[in-house]
């Protein structure tokens, strides 16, 4: 979608979204095994089919946290560059997102005001 300039949710560029995409990409290999870190800290080989989360929750852009937004923006900029977006379009996104991050409401004590900026984006 990004290559042809279509809308792409920021969630997919958060660390969670990228990890989910990586897992799904690995699952395309038939009968693949992947190495996972278990809760006790040990690495274990598991069948890739067992790790697929078919009910992954995709967070809407307006419901992202500021932390999610700050993860996603640089990843998306990098992806735009990799897809050979025109430099002026990339700079437009950078300028807009920087304006949001530096807006006085972003530092407000009222989280509703902070969320309004994410809704605007």
PDB file of N, CA and C in Angstrom:
ATOM      1  N   UNK A   1       0.821  -1.195   0.000  1.00  0.00           N
ATOM      2  CA  UNK A   1       0.000   0.000   0.000  1.00  0.00           C
ATOM      3  C   UNK A   1       0.862   1.255   0.000  1.00  0.00           C
ATOM      4  N   UNK A   2       1.893   1.245   0.821  1.00  0.00           N
ATOM      5  CA  UNK A   2       2.739   2.426   0.936  1.00  0.00           C
ATOM      6  C   UNK A   2       3.447   2.729  -0.375  1.00  0.00           C
ATOM      7  N   UNK A   3       3.813   1.697  -1.094  1.00  0.00           N
ATOM      8  CA  UNK A   3       4.529   1.880  -2.366  1.00  0.00           C
ATOM      9  C   UNK A   3       3.706   2.674  -3.369  1.00  0.00           C
ATOM     10  N   UNK A   4       2.393   2.432  -3.401  1.00  0.00           N
ATOM     11  CA  UNK A   4       1.540   3.128  -4.361  1.00  0.00           C
ATOM     12  C   UNK A   4       0.881   4.370  -3.758  1.00  0.00           C
ATOM     13  N   UNK A   5       1.255   4.712  -2.531  1.00  0.00           N
ATOM     14  CA  UNK A   5       0.759   5.939  -1.914  1.00  0.00           C
ATOM     15  C   UNK A   5      -0.607   5.826  -1.275  1.00  0.00           C
ATOM     16  N   UNK A   6      -1.065   4.608  -1.007  1.00  0.00           N
ATOM     17  CA  UNK A   6      -2.361   4.432  -0.356  1.00  0.00           C
ATOM     18  C   UNK A   6      -2.247   4.589   1.154  1.00  0.00           C
ATOM     19  N   UNK A   7      -3.375   4.885   1.796  1.00  0.00           N
ATOM     20  CA  UNK A   7      -3.413   5.042   3.243  1.00  0.00           C
ATOM     21  C   UNK A   7      -2.971   3.759   3.931  1.00  0.00           C
ATOM     22  N   UNK A   8      -2.123   3.900   4.912  1.00  0.00           N
ATOM     23  CA  UNK A   8      -1.618   2.769   5.675  1.00  0.00           C
ATOM     24  C   UNK A   8      -1.642   3.159   7.149  1.00  0.00           C
ATOM     25  N   UNK A   9      -2.289   2.361   7.969  1.00  0.00           N
ATOM     26  CA  UNK A   9      -2.412   2.692   9.386  1.00  0.00           C
ATOM     27  C   UNK A   9      -1.048   2.742  10.059  1.00  0.00           C
ATOM     28  N   UNK A  10      -0.891   3.720  10.951  1.00  0.00           N
ATOM     29  CA  UNK A  10       0.362   3.866  11.683  1.00  0.00           C
ATOM     30  C   UNK A  10       0.654   2.646  12.560  1.00  0.00           C
ATOM     31  N   UNK A  11      -0.381   1.952  12.994  1.00  0.00           N
ATOM     32  CA  UNK A  11      -0.179   0.776  13.852  1.00  0.00           C
ATOM     33  C   UNK A  11       0.834  -0.183  13.240  1.00  0.00           C
ATOM     34  N   UNK A  12       0.764  -0.356  11.926  1.00  0.00           N
ATOM     35  CA  UNK A  12       1.643  -1.316  11.265  1.00  0.00           C
ATOM     36  C   UNK A  12       3.117  -0.932  11.367  1.00  0.00           C
ATOM     37  N   UNK A  13       3.399   0.313  11.745  1.00  0.00           N
ATOM     38  CA  UNK A  13       4.778   0.777  11.869  1.00  0.00           C
ATOM     39  C   UNK A  13       5.222   0.898  13.324  1.00  0.00           C
ATOM     40  N   UNK A  14       4.341   0.558  14.257  1.00  0.00           N
ATOM     41  CA  UNK A  14       4.747   0.509  15.666  1.00  0.00           C
ATOM     42  C   UNK A  14       5.581  -0.754  15.868  1.00  0.00           C
ATOM     43  N   UNK A  15       6.264  -0.840  16.991  1.00  0.00           N
ATOM     44  CA  UNK A  15       7.052  -2.046  17.265  1.00  0.00           C
ATOM     45  C   UNK A  15       6.159  -3.281  17.297  1.00  0.00           C
ATOM     46  N   UNK A  16       4.966  -3.157  17.898  1.00  0.00           N
ATOM     47  CA  UNK A  16       4.037  -4.308  17.925  1.00  0.00           C
ATOM     48  C   UNK A  16       3.610  -4.693  16.527  1.00  0.00           C
ATOM     49  N   UNK A  17       3.242  -3.704  15.723  1.00  0.00           N
ATOM     50  CA  UNK A  17       2.796  -3.975  14.356  1.00  0.00           C
ATOM     51  C   UNK A  17       3.882  -4.605  13.502  1.00  0.00           C
ATOM     52  N   UNK A  18       5.119  -4.114  13.645  1.00  0.00           N
ATOM     53  CA  UNK A  18       6.229  -4.678  12.884  1.00  0.00           C
ATOM     54  C   UNK A  18       6.545  -6.095  13.328  1.00  0.00           C
ATOM     55  N   UNK A  19       6.466  -6.346  14.630  1.00  0.00           N
ATOM     56  CA  UNK A  19       6.698  -7.707  15.129  1.00  0.00           C
ATOM     57  C   UNK A  19       5.633  -8.666  14.621  1.00  0.00           C
ATOM     58  N   UNK A  20       4.393  -8.204  14.603  1.00  0.00           N
ATOM     59  CA  UNK A  20       3.300  -9.046  14.098  1.00  0.00           C
ATOM     60  C   UNK A  20       3.498  -9.345  12.615  1.00  0.00           C
ATOM     61  N   UNK A  21       3.907  -8.334  11.862  1.00  0.00           N
ATOM     62  CA  UNK A  21       4.152  -8.532  10.426  1.00  0.00           C
ATOM     63  C   UNK A  21       5.310  -9.496  10.210  1.00  0.00           C
ATOM     64  N   UNK A  22       6.335  -9.393  11.035  1.00  0.00           N
ATOM     65  CA  UNK A  22       7.481 -10.301  10.925  1.00  0.00           C
ATOM     66  C   UNK A  22       7.049 -11.743  11.183  1.00  0.00           C
ATOM     67  N   UNK A  23       6.236 -11.942  12.221  1.00  0.00           N
ATOM     68  CA  UNK A  23       5.740 -13.290  12.524  1.00  0.00           C
ATOM     69  C   UNK A  23       4.911 -13.829  11.365  1.00  0.00           C
ATOM     70  N   UNK A  24       4.032 -12.987  10.825  1.00  0.00           N
ATOM     71  CA  UNK A  24       3.167 -13.424   9.725  1.00  0.00           C
ATOM     72  C   UNK A  24       3.978 -13.736   8.479  1.00  0.00           C
ATOM     73  N   UNK A  25       5.042 -12.985   8.252  1.00  0.00           N
ATOM     74  CA  UNK A  25       5.900 -13.245   7.102  1.00  0.00           C
ATOM     75  C   UNK A  25       6.586 -14.597   7.256  1.00  0.00           C
ATOM     76  N   UNK A  26       7.038 -14.893   8.469  1.00  0.00           N
ATOM     77  CA  UNK A  26       7.668 -16.183   8.725  1.00  0.00           C
ATOM     78  C   UNK A  26       6.682 -17.334   8.547  1.00  0.00           C
ATOM     79  N   UNK A  27       5.408 -17.055   8.808  1.00  0.00           N
ATOM     80  CA  UNK A  27       4.402 -18.107   8.724  1.00  0.00           C
ATOM     81  C   UNK A  27       4.075 -18.491   7.289  1.00  0.00           C
ATOM     82  N   UNK A  28       4.480 -17.662   6.343  1.00  0.00           N
ATOM     83  CA  UNK A  28       4.190 -17.991   4.952  1.00  0.00           C
ATOM     84  C   UNK A  28       5.013 -19.182   4.487  1.00  0.00           C
ATOM     85  N   UNK A  29       6.117 -19.449   5.168  1.00  0.00           N
ATOM     86  CA  UNK A  29       6.925 -20.618   4.852  1.00  0.00           C
ATOM     87  C   UNK A  29       6.189 -21.867   5.345  1.00  0.00           C
ATOM     88  N   UNK A  30       5.959 -22.838   4.501  1.00  0.00           N
ATOM     89  CA  UNK A  30       5.243 -24.041   4.937  1.00  0.00           C
ATOM     90  C   UNK A  30       6.044 -24.832   5.963  1.00  0.00           C
ATOM     91  N   UNK A  31       5.365 -25.253   7.006  1.00  0.00           N
ATOM     92  CA  UNK A  31       5.920 -26.091   8.051  1.00  0.00           C
ATOM     93  C   UNK A  31       7.219 -25.528   8.619  1.00  0.00           C
ATOM     94  N   UNK A  32       7.256 -24.228   8.774  1.00  0.00           N
ATOM     95  CA  UNK A  32       8.455 -23.579   9.292  1.00  0.00           C
ATOM     96  C   UNK A  32       8.541 -23.650  10.799  1.00  0.00           C
ATOM     97  N   UNK A  33       9.753 -23.530  11.284  1.00  0.00           N
ATOM     98  CA  UNK A  33      10.007 -23.467  12.717  1.00  0.00           C
ATOM     99  C   UNK A  33      10.637 -22.109  13.006  1.00  0.00           C
ATOM    100  N   UNK A  34      10.253 -21.520  14.130  1.00  0.00           N
ATOM    101  CA  UNK A  34      10.864 -20.266  14.525  1.00  0.00           C
ATOM    102  C   UNK A  34      11.345 -20.373  15.961  1.00  0.00           C
ATOM    103  N   UNK A  35      12.321 -19.566  16.268  1.00  0.00           N
ATOM    104  CA  UNK A  35      12.916 -19.558  17.595  1.00  0.00           C
ATOM    105  C   UNK A  35      12.249 -18.457  18.415  1.00  0.00           C
ATOM    106  N   UNK A  36      11.642 -18.835  19.532  1.00  0.00           N
ATOM    107  CA  UNK A  36      10.958 -17.885  20.399  1.00  0.00           C
ATOM    108  C   UNK A  36      11.579 -17.896  21.782  1.00  0.00           C
ATOM    109  N   UNK A  37      11.486 -16.766  22.441  1.00  0.00           N
ATOM    110  CA  UNK A  37      11.948 -16.650  23.814  1.00  0.00           C
ATOM    111  C   UNK A  37      10.768 -16.948  24.725  1.00  0.00           C
ATOM    112  N   UNK A  38      10.907 -17.943  25.577  1.00  0.00           N
ATOM    113  CA  UNK A  38       9.810 -18.323  26.481  1.00  0.00           C
ATOM    114  C   UNK A  38       9.800 -17.403  27.693  1.00  0.00           C
ATOM    115  N   UNK A  39       8.747 -17.493  28.485  1.00  0.00           N
ATOM    116  CA  UNK A  39       8.587 -16.630  29.654  1.00  0.00           C
ATOM    117  C   UNK A  39       9.693 -16.833  30.686  1.00  0.00           C
ATOM    118  N   UNK A  40      10.316 -18.022  30.698  1.00  0.00           N
ATOM    119  CA  UNK A  40      11.395 -18.278  31.660  1.00  0.00           C
ATOM    120  C   UNK A  40      12.770 -17.877  31.115  1.00  0.00           C
ATOM    121  N   UNK A  41      12.795 -17.268  29.913  1.00  0.00           N
ATOM    122  CA  UNK A  41      14.039 -16.764  29.355  1.00  0.00           C
ATOM    123  C   UNK A  41      14.789 -17.723  28.453  1.00  0.00           C
ATOM    124  N   UNK A  42      14.273 -18.922  28.254  1.00  0.00           N
ATOM    125  CA  UNK A  42      14.922 -19.902  27.400  1.00  0.00           C
ATOM    126  C   UNK A  42      14.388 -19.789  25.973  1.00  0.00           C
ATOM    127  N   UNK A  43      15.260 -20.070  25.013  1.00  0.00           N
ATOM    128  CA  UNK A  43      14.839 -20.063  23.621  1.00  0.00           C
ATOM    129  C   UNK A  43      14.329 -21.447  23.248  1.00  0.00           C
ATOM    130  N   UNK A  44      13.234 -21.461  22.485  1.00  0.00           N
ATOM    131  CA  UNK A  44      12.591 -22.716  22.125  1.00  0.00           C
ATOM    132  C   UNK A  44      12.175 -22.672  20.657  1.00  0.00           C
ATOM    133  N   UNK A  45      12.395 -23.762  19.947  1.00  0.00           N
ATOM    134  CA  UNK A  45      11.909 -23.879  18.575  1.00  0.00           C
ATOM    135  C   UNK A  45      10.451 -24.320  18.613  1.00  0.00           C
ATOM    136  N   UNK A  46       9.605 -23.600  17.886  1.00  0.00           N
ATOM    137  CA  UNK A  46       8.190 -23.970  17.810  1.00  0.00           C
ATOM    138  C   UNK A  46       7.738 -23.921  16.360  1.00  0.00           C
ATOM    139  N   UNK A  47       6.683 -24.663  16.087  1.00  0.00           N
ATOM    140  CA  UNK A  47       6.068 -24.651  14.769  1.00  0.00           C
ATOM    141  C   UNK A  47       5.499 -23.254  14.522  1.00  0.00           C
ATOM    142  N   UNK A  48       5.823 -22.668  13.402  1.00  0.00           N
ATOM    143  CA  UNK A  48       5.399 -21.304  13.095  1.00  0.00           C
ATOM    144  C   UNK A  48       3.878 -21.174  13.108  1.00  0.00           C
ATOM    145  N   UNK A  49       3.176 -22.216  12.717  1.00  0.00           N
ATOM    146  CA  UNK A  49       1.709 -22.156  12.701  1.00  0.00           C
ATOM    147  C   UNK A  49       1.131 -21.928  14.094  1.00  0.00           C
ATOM    148  N   UNK A  50       1.843 -22.371  15.124  1.00  0.00           N
ATOM    149  CA  UNK A  50       1.356 -22.236  16.494  1.00  0.00           C
ATOM    150  C   UNK A  50       1.465 -20.802  17.021  1.00  0.00           C
ATOM    151  N   UNK A  51       2.276 -19.981  16.376  1.00  0.00           N
ATOM    152  CA  UNK A  51       2.496 -18.623  16.878  1.00  0.00           C
ATOM    153  C   UNK A  51       1.596 -17.590  16.227  1.00  0.00           C
ATOM    154  N   UNK A  52       0.894 -17.981  15.216  1.00  0.00           N
ATOM    155  CA  UNK A  52       0.055 -17.015  14.496  1.00  0.00           C
ATOM    156  C   UNK A  52      -1.095 -16.553  15.376  1.00  0.00           C
ATOM    157  N   UNK A  53      -1.255 -15.238  15.443  1.00  0.00           N
ATOM    158  CA  UNK A  53      -2.352 -14.646  16.202  1.00  0.00           C
ATOM    159  C   UNK A  53      -3.366 -14.109  15.197  1.00  0.00           C
ATOM    160  N   UNK A  54      -4.328 -14.931  14.859  1.00  0.00           N
ATOM    161  CA  UNK A  54      -5.306 -14.533  13.848  1.00  0.00           C
ATOM    162  C   UNK A  54      -6.262 -13.464  14.366  1.00  0.00           C
ATOM    163  N   UNK A  55      -6.239 -13.231  15.668  1.00  0.00           N
ATOM    164  CA  UNK A  55      -7.126 -12.230  16.255  1.00  0.00           C
ATOM    165  C   UNK A  55      -6.343 -11.002  16.729  1.00  0.00           C
ATOM    166  N   UNK A  56      -5.241 -10.701  16.046  1.00  0.00           N
ATOM    167  CA  UNK A  56      -4.438  -9.541  16.420  1.00  0.00           C
ATOM    168  C   UNK A  56      -5.293  -8.286  16.329  1.00  0.00           C
ATOM    169  N   UNK A  57      -5.178  -7.450  17.335  1.00  0.00           N
ATOM    170  CA  UNK A  57      -5.965  -6.231  17.385  1.00  0.00           C
ATOM    171  C   UNK A  57      -5.175  -5.109  16.739  1.00  0.00           C
ATOM    172  N   UNK A  58      -5.748  -4.532  15.705  1.00  0.00           N
ATOM    173  CA  UNK A  58      -5.134  -3.412  15.016  1.00  0.00           C
ATOM    174  C   UNK A  58      -5.678  -2.132  15.647  1.00  0.00           C
ATOM    175  N   UNK A  59      -4.796  -1.340  16.213  1.00  0.00           N
ATOM    176  CA  UNK A  59      -5.202  -0.106  16.874  1.00  0.00           C
ATOM    177  C   UNK A  59      -5.386   0.990  15.841  1.00  0.00           C
ATOM    178  N   UNK A  60      -6.509   1.670  15.897  1.00  0.00           N
ATOM    179  CA  UNK A  60      -6.752   2.794  14.994  1.00  0.00           C
ATOM    180  C   UNK A  60      -5.763   3.912  15.314  1.00  0.00           C
ATOM    181  N   UNK A  61      -5.422   4.702  14.294  1.00  0.00           N
ATOM    182  CA  UNK A  61      -4.451   5.777  14.483  1.00  0.00           C
ATOM    183  C   UNK A  61      -4.829   6.701  15.634  1.00  0.00           C
ATOM    184  N   UNK A  62      -6.095   7.051  15.720  1.00  0.00           N
ATOM    185  CA  UNK A  62      -6.519   7.996  16.763  1.00  0.00           C
ATOM    186  C   UNK A  62      -6.481   7.394  18.167  1.00  0.00           C
ATOM    187  N   UNK A  63      -6.344   6.069  18.248  1.00  0.00           N
ATOM    188  CA  UNK A  63      -6.278   5.409  19.556  1.00  0.00           C
ATOM    189  C   UNK A  63      -4.861   5.002  19.947  1.00  0.00           C
ATOM    190  N   UNK A  64      -3.885   5.335  19.127  1.00  0.00           N
ATOM    191  CA  UNK A  64      -2.503   5.046  19.479  1.00  0.00           C
ATOM    192  C   UNK A  64      -2.091   5.898  20.671  1.00  0.00           C
ATOM    193  N   UNK A  65      -1.159   5.412  21.433  1.00  0.00           N
ATOM    194  CA  UNK A  65      -0.580   6.223  22.498  1.00  0.00           C
ATOM    195  C   UNK A  65       0.507   7.094  21.869  1.00  0.00           C
ATOM    196  N   UNK A  66       0.959   8.091  22.626  1.00  0.00           N
ATOM    197  CA  UNK A  66       2.071   8.909  22.116  1.00  0.00           C
ATOM    198  C   UNK A  66       3.312   8.054  21.925  1.00  0.00           C
ATOM    199  N   UNK A  67       3.489   7.080  22.788  1.00  0.00           N
ATOM    200  CA  UNK A  67       4.635   6.190  22.642  1.00  0.00           C
ATOM    201  C   UNK A  67       4.550   5.414  21.327  1.00  0.00           C
ATOM    202  N   UNK A  68       3.349   4.907  21.010  1.00  0.00           N
ATOM    203  CA  UNK A  68       3.138   4.204  19.745  1.00  0.00           C
ATOM    204  C   UNK A  68       3.422   5.136  18.565  1.00  0.00           C
ATOM    205  N   UNK A  69       2.885   6.346  18.653  1.00  0.00           N
ATOM    206  CA  UNK A  69       3.080   7.322  17.581  1.00  0.00           C
ATOM    207  C   UNK A  69       4.565   7.611  17.369  1.00  0.00           C
ATOM    208  N   UNK A  70       5.300   7.768  18.478  1.00  0.00           N
ATOM    209  CA  UNK A  70       6.727   8.074  18.383  1.00  0.00           C
ATOM    210  C   UNK A  70       7.548   6.888  17.892  1.00  0.00           C
ATOM    211  N   UNK A  71       7.025   5.679  18.022  1.00  0.00           N
ATOM    212  CA  UNK A  71       7.665   4.510  17.413  1.00  0.00           C
ATOM    213  C   UNK A  71       7.354   4.463  15.917  1.00  0.00           C
ATOM    214  N   UNK A  72       6.104   4.712  15.583  1.00  0.00           N
ATOM    215  CA  UNK A  72       5.627   4.516  14.213  1.00  0.00           C
ATOM    216  C   UNK A  72       6.166   5.560  13.235  1.00  0.00           C
ATOM    217  N   UNK A  73       6.202   6.813  13.643  1.00  0.00           N
ATOM    218  CA  UNK A  73       6.573   7.880  12.712  1.00  0.00           C
ATOM    219  C   UNK A  73       7.941   7.644  12.057  1.00  0.00           C
ATOM    220  N   UNK A  74       9.011   7.408  12.830  1.00  0.00           N
ATOM    221  CA  UNK A  74      10.299   7.187  12.154  1.00  0.00           C
ATOM    222  C   UNK A  74      10.337   5.916  11.303  1.00  0.00           C
ATOM    223  N   UNK A  75       9.632   4.870  11.742  1.00  0.00           N
ATOM    224  CA  UNK A  75       9.578   3.645  10.929  1.00  0.00           C
ATOM    225  C   UNK A  75       8.869   3.909   9.610  1.00  0.00           C
ATOM    226  N   UNK A  76       7.799   4.689   9.663  1.00  0.00           N
ATOM    227  CA  UNK A  76       7.050   4.980   8.444  1.00  0.00           C
ATOM    228  C   UNK A  76       7.871   5.871   7.502  1.00  0.00           C
ATOM    229  N   UNK A  77       8.592   6.835   8.059  1.00  0.00           N
ATOM    230  CA  UNK A  77       9.451   7.700   7.238  1.00  0.00           C
ATOM    231  C   UNK A  77      10.502   6.850   6.523  1.00  0.00           C
ATOM    232  N   UNK A  78      11.100   5.919   7.258  1.00  0.00           N
ATOM    233  CA  UNK A  78      12.091   5.023   6.653  1.00  0.00           C
ATOM    234  C   UNK A  78      11.463   4.201   5.527  1.00  0.00           C
ATOM    235  N   UNK A  79      10.263   3.690   5.763  1.00  0.00           N
ATOM    236  CA  UNK A  79       9.569   2.903   4.730  1.00  0.00           C
ATOM    237  C   UNK A  79       9.246   3.763   3.507  1.00  0.00           C
ATOM    238  N   UNK A  80       8.865   5.008   3.737  1.00  0.00           N
ATOM    239  CA  UNK A  80       8.597   5.914   2.609  1.00  0.00           C
ATOM    240  C   UNK A  80       9.855   6.094   1.756  1.00  0.00           C
ATOM    241  N   UNK A  81      10.991   6.273   2.435  1.00  0.00           N
ATOM    242  CA  UNK A  81      12.255   6.432   1.711  1.00  0.00           C
ATOM    243  C   UNK A  81      12.600   5.161   0.939  1.00  0.00           C
ATOM    244  N   UNK A  82      12.371   4.008   1.551  1.00  0.00           N
ATOM    245  CA  UNK A  82      12.660   2.740   0.885  1.00  0.00           C
ATOM    246  C   UNK A  82      11.763   2.519  -0.333  1.00  0.00           C
ATOM    247  N   UNK A  83      10.566   3.109  -0.306  1.00  0.00           N
ATOM    248  CA  UNK A  83       9.629   2.973  -1.423  1.00  0.00           C
ATOM    249  C   UNK A  83       9.767   4.113  -2.432  1.00  0.00           C
ATOM    250  N   UNK A  84      10.849   4.895  -2.279  1.00  0.00           N
ATOM    251  CA  UNK A  84      11.177   5.986  -3.221  1.00  0.00           C
ATOM    252  C   UNK A  84      10.090   7.059  -3.323  1.00  0.00           C
ATOM    253  N   UNK A  85       9.514   7.407  -2.175  1.00  0.00           N
ATOM    254  CA  UNK A  85       8.564   8.518  -2.180  1.00  0.00           C
ATOM    255  C   UNK A  85       9.310   9.794  -2.541  1.00  0.00           C
ATOM    256  N   UNK A  86       8.620  10.752  -3.168  1.00  0.00           N
ATOM    257  CA  UNK A  86       9.259  12.042  -3.453  1.00  0.00           C
ATOM    258  C   UNK A  86       9.690  12.715  -2.141  1.00  0.00           C
ATOM    259  N   UNK A  87      10.857  13.311  -2.169  1.00  0.00           N
ATOM    260  CA  UNK A  87      11.436  13.911  -0.970  1.00  0.00           C
ATOM    261  C   UNK A  87      10.525  14.972  -0.360  1.00  0.00           C
ATOM    262  N   UNK A  88       9.817  15.735  -1.196  1.00  0.00           N
ATOM    263  CA  UNK A  88       8.934  16.780  -0.646  1.00  0.00           C
ATOM    264  C   UNK A  88       7.766  16.184   0.132  1.00  0.00           C
ATOM    265  N   UNK A  89       7.267  15.025  -0.280  1.00  0.00           N
ATOM    266  CA  UNK A  89       6.179  14.362   0.452  1.00  0.00           C
ATOM    267  C   UNK A  89       6.674  13.836   1.800  1.00  0.00           C
ATOM    268  N   UNK A  90       7.864  13.281   1.794  1.00  0.00           N
ATOM    269  CA  UNK A  90       8.449  12.785   3.037  1.00  0.00           C
ATOM    270  C   UNK A  90       8.661  13.941   4.003  1.00  0.00           C
ATOM    271  N   UNK A  91       9.218  15.032   3.487  1.00  0.00           N
ATOM    272  CA  UNK A  91       9.458  16.207   4.332  1.00  0.00           C
ATOM    273  C   UNK A  91       8.159  16.800   4.860  1.00  0.00           C
ATOM    274  N   UNK A  92       7.097  16.715   4.064  1.00  0.00           N
ATOM    275  CA  UNK A  92       5.788  17.203   4.503  1.00  0.00           C
ATOM    276  C   UNK A  92       5.315  16.413   5.726  1.00  0.00           C
ATOM    277  N   UNK A  93       5.457  15.088   5.689  1.00  0.00           N
ATOM    278  CA  UNK A  93       5.069  14.252   6.830  1.00  0.00           C
ATOM    279  C   UNK A  93       5.945  14.552   8.039  1.00  0.00           C
ATOM    280  N   UNK A  94       7.233  14.675   7.816  1.00  0.00           N
ATOM    281  CA  UNK A  94       8.150  14.973   8.920  1.00  0.00           C
ATOM    282  C   UNK A  94       7.767  16.293   9.577  1.00  0.00           C
ATOM    283  N   UNK A  95       7.517  17.318   8.782  1.00  0.00           N
ATOM    284  CA  UNK A  95       7.152  18.633   9.325  1.00  0.00           C
ATOM    285  C   UNK A  95       5.842  18.574  10.102  1.00  0.00           C
ATOM    286  N   UNK A  96       4.865  17.872   9.546  1.00  0.00           N
ATOM    287  CA  UNK A  96       3.566  17.773  10.207  1.00  0.00           C
ATOM    288  C   UNK A  96       3.683  17.035  11.537  1.00  0.00           C
ATOM    289  N   UNK A  97       4.365  15.905  11.521  1.00  0.00           N
ATOM    290  CA  UNK A  97       4.488  15.117  12.744  1.00  0.00           C
ATOM    291  C   UNK A  97       5.337  15.830  13.793  1.00  0.00           C
ATOM    292  N   UNK A  98       6.341  16.572  13.345  1.00  0.00           N
ATOM    293  CA  UNK A  98       7.133  17.348  14.308  1.00  0.00           C
ATOM    294  C   UNK A  98       6.290  18.451  14.932  1.00  0.00           C
ATOM    295  N   UNK A  99       5.419  19.058  14.122  1.00  0.00           N
ATOM    296  CA  UNK A  99       4.537  20.096  14.658  1.00  0.00           C
ATOM    297  C   UNK A  99       3.606  19.518  15.716  1.00  0.00           C
ATOM    298  N   UNK A 100       3.098  18.321  15.489  1.00  0.00           N
ATOM    299  CA  UNK A 100       2.250  17.675  16.486  1.00  0.00           C
ATOM    300  C   UNK A 100       3.029  17.381  17.766  1.00  0.00           C
ATOM    301  N   UNK A 101       4.234  16.873  17.609  1.00  0.00           N
ATOM    302  CA  UNK A 101       5.043  16.521  18.775  1.00  0.00           C
ATOM    303  C   UNK A 101       5.465  17.746  19.579  1.00  0.00           C
ATOM    304  N   UNK A 102       5.572  18.880  18.920  1.00  0.00           N
ATOM    305  CA  UNK A 102       5.993  20.101  19.604  1.00  0.00           C
ATOM    306  C   UNK A 102       4.831  21.008  19.993  1.00  0.00           C
ATOM    307  N   UNK A 103       3.621  20.593  19.684  1.00  0.00           N
ATOM    308  CA  UNK A 103       2.441  21.391  20.004  1.00  0.00           C
ATOM    309  C   UNK A 103       2.273  21.497  21.519  1.00  0.00           C
ATOM    310  N   UNK A 104       1.800  22.649  21.984  1.00  0.00           N
ATOM    311  CA  UNK A 104       1.657  22.868  23.429  1.00  0.00           C
ATOM    312  C   UNK A 104       0.689  21.866  24.075  1.00  0.00           C
ATOM    313  N   UNK A 105      -0.311  21.393  23.350  1.00  0.00           N
ATOM    314  CA  UNK A 105      -1.251  20.427  23.923  1.00  0.00           C
ATOM    315  C   UNK A 105      -0.611  19.062  24.176  1.00  0.00           C
ATOM    316  N   UNK A 106       0.459  18.766  23.451  1.00  0.00           N
ATOM    317  CA  UNK A 106       1.108  17.468  23.632  1.00  0.00           C
ATOM    318  C   UNK A 106       1.691  17.350  25.035  1.00  0.00           C
ATOM    319  N   UNK A 107       1.988  18.483  25.656  1.00  0.00           N
ATOM    320  CA  UNK A 107       2.578  18.487  26.993  1.00  0.00           C
ATOM    321  C   UNK A 107       1.560  18.868  28.070  1.00  0.00           C
ATOM    322  N   UNK A 108       0.293  18.906  27.699  1.00  0.00           N
ATOM    323  CA  UNK A 108      -0.765  19.291  28.650  1.00  0.00           C
ATOM    324  C   UNK A 108      -0.982  18.181  29.678  1.00  0.00           C
ATOM    325  N   UNK A 109      -1.419  18.580  30.863  1.00  0.00           N
ATOM    326  CA  UNK A 109      -1.734  17.595  31.902  1.00  0.00           C
ATOM    327  C   UNK A 109      -3.006  16.826  31.552  1.00  0.00           C
ATOM    328  N   UNK A 110      -3.883  17.459  30.813  1.00  0.00           N
ATOM    329  CA  UNK A 110      -5.144  16.844  30.410  1.00  0.00           C
ATOM    330  C   UNK A 110      -4.883  15.888  29.237  1.00  0.00           C
ATOM    331  N   UNK A 111      -5.004  14.601  29.481  1.00  0.00           N
ATOM    332  CA  UNK A 111      -4.717  13.621  28.427  1.00  0.00           C
ATOM    333  C   UNK A 111      -5.705  13.713  27.265  1.00  0.00           C
ATOM    334  N   UNK A 112      -6.890  14.241  27.518  1.00  0.00           N
ATOM    335  CA  UNK A 112      -7.858  14.420  26.437  1.00  0.00           C
ATOM    336  C   UNK A 112      -7.308  15.386  25.383  1.00  0.00           C
ATOM    337  N   UNK A 113      -6.617  16.417  25.840  1.00  0.00           N
ATOM    338  CA  UNK A 113      -6.010  17.377  24.906  1.00  0.00           C
ATOM    339  C   UNK A 113      -4.896  16.705  24.109  1.00  0.00           C
ATOM    340  N   UNK A 114      -4.132  15.863  24.771  1.00  0.00           N
ATOM    341  CA  UNK A 114      -3.071  15.136  24.067  1.00  0.00           C
ATOM    342  C   UNK A 114      -3.670  14.204  23.002  1.00  0.00           C
ATOM    343  N   UNK A 115      -4.752  13.536  23.374  1.00  0.00           N
ATOM    344  CA  UNK A 115      -5.395  12.598  22.448  1.00  0.00           C
ATOM    345  C   UNK A 115      -5.995  13.322  21.250  1.00  0.00           C
ATOM    346  N   UNK A 116      -6.411  14.571  21.469  1.00  0.00           N
ATOM    347  CA  UNK A 116      -6.974  15.358  20.357  1.00  0.00           C
ATOM    348  C   UNK A 116      -5.944  15.526  19.249  1.00  0.00           C
ATOM    349  N   UNK A 117      -4.689  15.672  19.601  1.00  0.00           N
ATOM    350  CA  UNK A 117      -3.650  15.799  18.577  1.00  0.00           C
ATOM    351  C   UNK A 117      -3.504  14.519  17.775  1.00  0.00           C
ATOM    352  N   UNK A 118      -3.590  13.379  18.438  1.00  0.00           N
ATOM    353  CA  UNK A 118      -3.500  12.119  17.703  1.00  0.00           C
ATOM    354  C   UNK A 118      -4.707  11.916  16.801  1.00  0.00           C
ATOM    355  N   UNK A 119      -5.848  12.388  17.236  1.00  0.00           N
ATOM    356  CA  UNK A 119      -7.043  12.317  16.392  1.00  0.00           C
ATOM    357  C   UNK A 119      -6.857  13.197  15.162  1.00  0.00           C
ATOM    358  N   UNK A 120      -6.259  14.360  15.367  1.00  0.00           N
ATOM    359  CA  UNK A 120      -6.029  15.292  14.260  1.00  0.00           C
ATOM    360  C   UNK A 120      -5.078  14.706  13.235  1.00  0.00           C
ATOM    361  N   UNK A 121      -4.100  13.977  13.699  1.00  0.00           N
ATOM    362  CA  UNK A 121      -3.080  13.457  12.775  1.00  0.00           C
ATOM    363  C   UNK A 121      -3.734  12.449  11.853  1.00  0.00           C
TER     364      UNK A 121
END
